[in-house]
Amino acid sequence: MKDWREIQRDTARRERRSLLAEAVTFERFAEMAKQKRLPVGSVWHWSTGEIYGPIGSADKENRNASAA
């Protein structure tokens, strides 16, 4: 049997997505997206209730000001 929690976390790690929120329902995620409180390209993983930022967003957190 597949463990979707691990599959979705591994996918987020491979895509270098940053974790934005935990324990969020789909309704709350939809509300946050509608209010534009999340970056474009964010995803909600149904198996864990976690919201991840756009692809590559984890890399942006590690950049310094001179690398731009």
N, C-alpha and C. Protein backbone atom coordinates (compact mmCIF):
# COMPACT_ATOMS: atom_id res chain seq x y z
N MET A 1 0.83 -1.18 0.00
CA MET A 1 0.00 0.00 0.00
C MET A 1 0.88 1.25 0.00
N LYS A 2 0.48 2.25 -0.76
CA LYS A 2 1.27 3.47 -0.88
C LYS A 2 1.06 4.38 0.32
N ASP A 3 2.14 4.98 0.78
CA ASP A 3 2.07 5.98 1.84
C ASP A 3 2.13 7.35 1.16
N TRP A 4 0.98 7.94 0.92
CA TRP A 4 0.91 9.19 0.18
C TRP A 4 1.57 10.35 0.91
N ARG A 5 1.65 10.28 2.23
CA ARG A 5 2.34 11.34 2.97
C ARG A 5 3.80 11.41 2.54
N GLU A 6 4.45 10.26 2.50
CA GLU A 6 5.86 10.23 2.10
C GLU A 6 6.04 10.56 0.62
N ILE A 7 5.15 10.09 -0.22
CA ILE A 7 5.23 10.38 -1.66
C ILE A 7 5.12 11.87 -1.91
N GLN A 8 4.15 12.52 -1.27
CA GLN A 8 3.96 13.96 -1.50
C GLN A 8 5.08 14.79 -0.88
N ARG A 9 5.58 14.39 0.27
CA ARG A 9 6.72 15.11 0.87
C ARG A 9 7.97 14.96 0.01
N ASP A 10 8.19 13.76 -0.52
CA ASP A 10 9.35 13.52 -1.38
C ASP A 10 9.25 14.36 -2.67
N THR A 11 8.05 14.44 -3.22
CA THR A 11 7.85 15.26 -4.43
C THR A 11 8.16 16.73 -4.14
N ALA A 12 7.69 17.23 -3.01
CA ALA A 12 7.96 18.62 -2.64
C ALA A 12 9.46 18.85 -2.45
N ARG A 13 10.14 17.89 -1.86
CA ARG A 13 11.59 18.00 -1.66
C ARG A 13 12.33 18.02 -2.99
N ARG A 14 11.93 17.11 -3.92
CA ARG A 14 12.59 17.05 -5.23
C ARG A 14 12.36 18.33 -6.03
N GLU A 15 11.17 18.92 -5.89
CA GLU A 15 10.85 20.15 -6.62
C GLU A 15 11.37 21.39 -5.90
N ARG A 16 12.01 21.19 -4.77
CA ARG A 16 12.59 22.27 -3.97
C ARG A 16 11.54 23.31 -3.58
N ARG A 17 10.43 22.81 -3.06
CA ARG A 17 9.36 23.69 -2.59
C ARG A 17 9.56 23.97 -1.10
N SER A 18 9.27 25.19 -0.67
CA SER A 18 9.37 25.51 0.75
C SER A 18 8.02 25.29 1.43
N LEU A 19 8.05 24.83 2.65
CA LEU A 19 6.85 24.59 3.42
C LEU A 19 6.32 25.93 3.92
N LEU A 20 5.07 26.24 3.60
CA LEU A 20 4.47 27.51 4.00
C LEU A 20 3.54 27.37 5.20
N ALA A 21 2.81 26.26 5.30
CA ALA A 21 1.86 26.07 6.40
C ALA A 21 1.57 24.59 6.60
N GLU A 22 1.18 24.25 7.82
CA GLU A 22 0.84 22.86 8.16
C GLU A 22 -0.58 22.79 8.71
N ALA A 23 -1.18 21.61 8.63
CA ALA A 23 -2.51 21.34 9.19
C ALA A 23 -3.56 22.32 8.67
N VAL A 24 -3.63 22.44 7.35
CA VAL A 24 -4.57 23.35 6.70
C VAL A 24 -5.59 22.52 5.92
N THR A 25 -6.86 22.88 6.05
CA THR A 25 -7.90 22.20 5.29
C THR A 25 -7.93 22.76 3.87
N PHE A 26 -8.57 22.03 2.97
CA PHE A 26 -8.67 22.51 1.59
C PHE A 26 -9.45 23.82 1.53
N GLU A 27 -10.50 23.93 2.34
CA GLU A 27 -11.30 25.15 2.34
C GLU A 27 -10.46 26.36 2.75
N ARG A 28 -9.61 26.18 3.77
CA ARG A 28 -8.72 27.27 4.22
C ARG A 28 -7.69 27.60 3.14
N PHE A 29 -7.14 26.58 2.50
CA PHE A 29 -6.19 26.80 1.41
C PHE A 29 -6.84 27.60 0.28
N ALA A 30 -8.06 27.23 -0.10
CA ALA A 30 -8.76 27.93 -1.17
C ALA A 30 -9.04 29.38 -0.78
N GLU A 31 -9.39 29.60 0.48
CA GLU A 31 -9.64 30.96 0.96
C GLU A 31 -8.36 31.80 0.92
N MET A 32 -7.25 31.22 1.35
CA MET A 32 -5.97 31.93 1.34
C MET A 32 -5.55 32.27 -0.09
N ALA A 33 -5.76 31.34 -1.01
CA ALA A 33 -5.41 31.58 -2.41
C ALA A 33 -6.29 32.68 -3.01
N LYS A 34 -7.57 32.64 -2.68
CA LYS A 34 -8.50 33.64 -3.20
C LYS A 34 -8.14 35.03 -2.69
N GLN A 35 -7.68 35.12 -1.46
CA GLN A 35 -7.28 36.39 -0.87
C GLN A 35 -5.86 36.80 -1.27
N LYS A 36 -5.22 35.98 -2.10
CA LYS A 36 -3.86 36.22 -2.60
C LYS A 36 -2.84 36.31 -1.47
N ARG A 37 -3.02 35.44 -0.47
CA ARG A 37 -2.08 35.38 0.64
C ARG A 37 -1.01 34.32 0.42
N LEU A 38 -1.07 33.64 -0.73
CA LEU A 38 -0.09 32.62 -1.08
C LEU A 38 0.55 32.98 -2.42
N PRO A 39 1.81 32.63 -2.62
CA PRO A 39 2.43 32.89 -3.92
C PRO A 39 1.80 32.04 -5.02
N VAL A 40 1.80 32.56 -6.22
CA VAL A 40 1.28 31.81 -7.36
C VAL A 40 2.11 30.54 -7.53
N GLY A 41 1.44 29.42 -7.72
CA GLY A 41 2.13 28.15 -7.89
C GLY A 41 2.19 27.33 -6.61
N SER A 42 1.63 27.82 -5.53
CA SER A 42 1.60 27.06 -4.28
C SER A 42 0.66 25.88 -4.43
N VAL A 43 0.96 24.81 -3.69
CA VAL A 43 0.13 23.60 -3.74
C VAL A 43 -0.23 23.16 -2.34
N TRP A 44 -1.39 22.51 -2.23
CA TRP A 44 -1.85 21.91 -0.98
C TRP A 44 -1.80 20.41 -1.14
N HIS A 45 -1.13 19.74 -0.21
CA HIS A 45 -1.04 18.28 -0.24
C HIS A 45 -2.11 17.72 0.67
N TRP A 46 -3.05 17.01 0.08
CA TRP A 46 -4.21 16.49 0.80
C TRP A 46 -3.85 15.47 1.87
N SER A 47 -2.78 14.72 1.69
CA SER A 47 -2.45 13.66 2.63
C SER A 47 -1.91 14.19 3.96
N THR A 48 -1.30 15.36 3.94
CA THR A 48 -0.71 15.92 5.16
C THR A 48 -1.36 17.22 5.58
N GLY A 49 -2.07 17.88 4.66
CA GLY A 49 -2.64 19.18 4.96
C GLY A 49 -1.60 20.28 4.95
N GLU A 50 -0.51 20.06 4.25
CA GLU A 50 0.57 21.04 4.19
C GLU A 50 0.50 21.85 2.90
N ILE A 51 0.90 23.12 2.99
CA ILE A 51 0.96 23.99 1.82
C ILE A 51 2.43 24.23 1.51
N TYR A 52 2.79 24.01 0.25
CA TYR A 52 4.15 24.24 -0.22
C TYR A 52 4.16 25.35 -1.24
N GLY A 53 5.22 26.14 -1.25
CA GLY A 53 5.36 27.24 -2.19
C GLY A 53 5.66 26.75 -3.60
N PRO A 54 5.85 27.69 -4.53
CA PRO A 54 6.12 27.34 -5.93
C PRO A 54 7.42 26.54 -6.08
N ILE A 55 7.55 25.88 -7.22
CA ILE A 55 8.75 25.10 -7.51
C ILE A 55 9.98 26.00 -7.42
N GLY A 56 10.98 25.55 -6.69
CA GLY A 56 12.23 26.29 -6.53
C GLY A 56 12.20 27.32 -5.42
N SER A 57 11.12 27.44 -4.69
CA SER A 57 11.01 28.47 -3.66
C SER A 57 11.95 28.22 -2.49
N ALA A 58 12.33 26.99 -2.23
CA ALA A 58 13.27 26.71 -1.14
C ALA A 58 14.65 27.27 -1.47
N ASP A 59 15.02 27.30 -2.76
CA ASP A 59 16.32 27.85 -3.15
C ASP A 59 16.38 29.35 -2.91
N LYS A 60 15.29 30.05 -3.09
CA LYS A 60 15.26 31.50 -2.94
C LYS A 60 15.52 31.93 -1.51
N GLU A 61 15.13 31.10 -0.56
CA GLU A 61 15.36 31.43 0.85
C GLU A 61 16.85 31.41 1.21
N ASN A 62 17.63 30.65 0.47
CA ASN A 62 19.05 30.49 0.80
C ASN A 62 19.95 31.48 0.06
N ARG A 63 19.39 32.30 -0.81
CA ARG A 63 20.19 33.26 -1.55
C ARG A 63 20.55 34.45 -0.67
N ASN A 64 21.71 35.04 -0.96
CA ASN A 64 22.04 36.28 -0.27
C ASN A 64 21.78 37.45 -1.21
N ALA A 65 21.85 38.66 -0.72
CA ALA A 65 21.48 39.84 -1.51
C ALA A 65 22.38 40.04 -2.73
N SER A 66 23.63 39.64 -2.64
CA SER A 66 24.56 39.86 -3.76
C SER A 66 24.37 38.85 -4.89
N ALA A 67 23.63 37.78 -4.65
CA ALA A 67 23.45 36.75 -5.67
C ALA A 67 22.35 37.09 -6.66
N ALA A 68 21.59 38.11 -6.41
CA ALA A 68 20.48 38.48 -7.29
C ALA A 68 21.03 38.99 -8.57
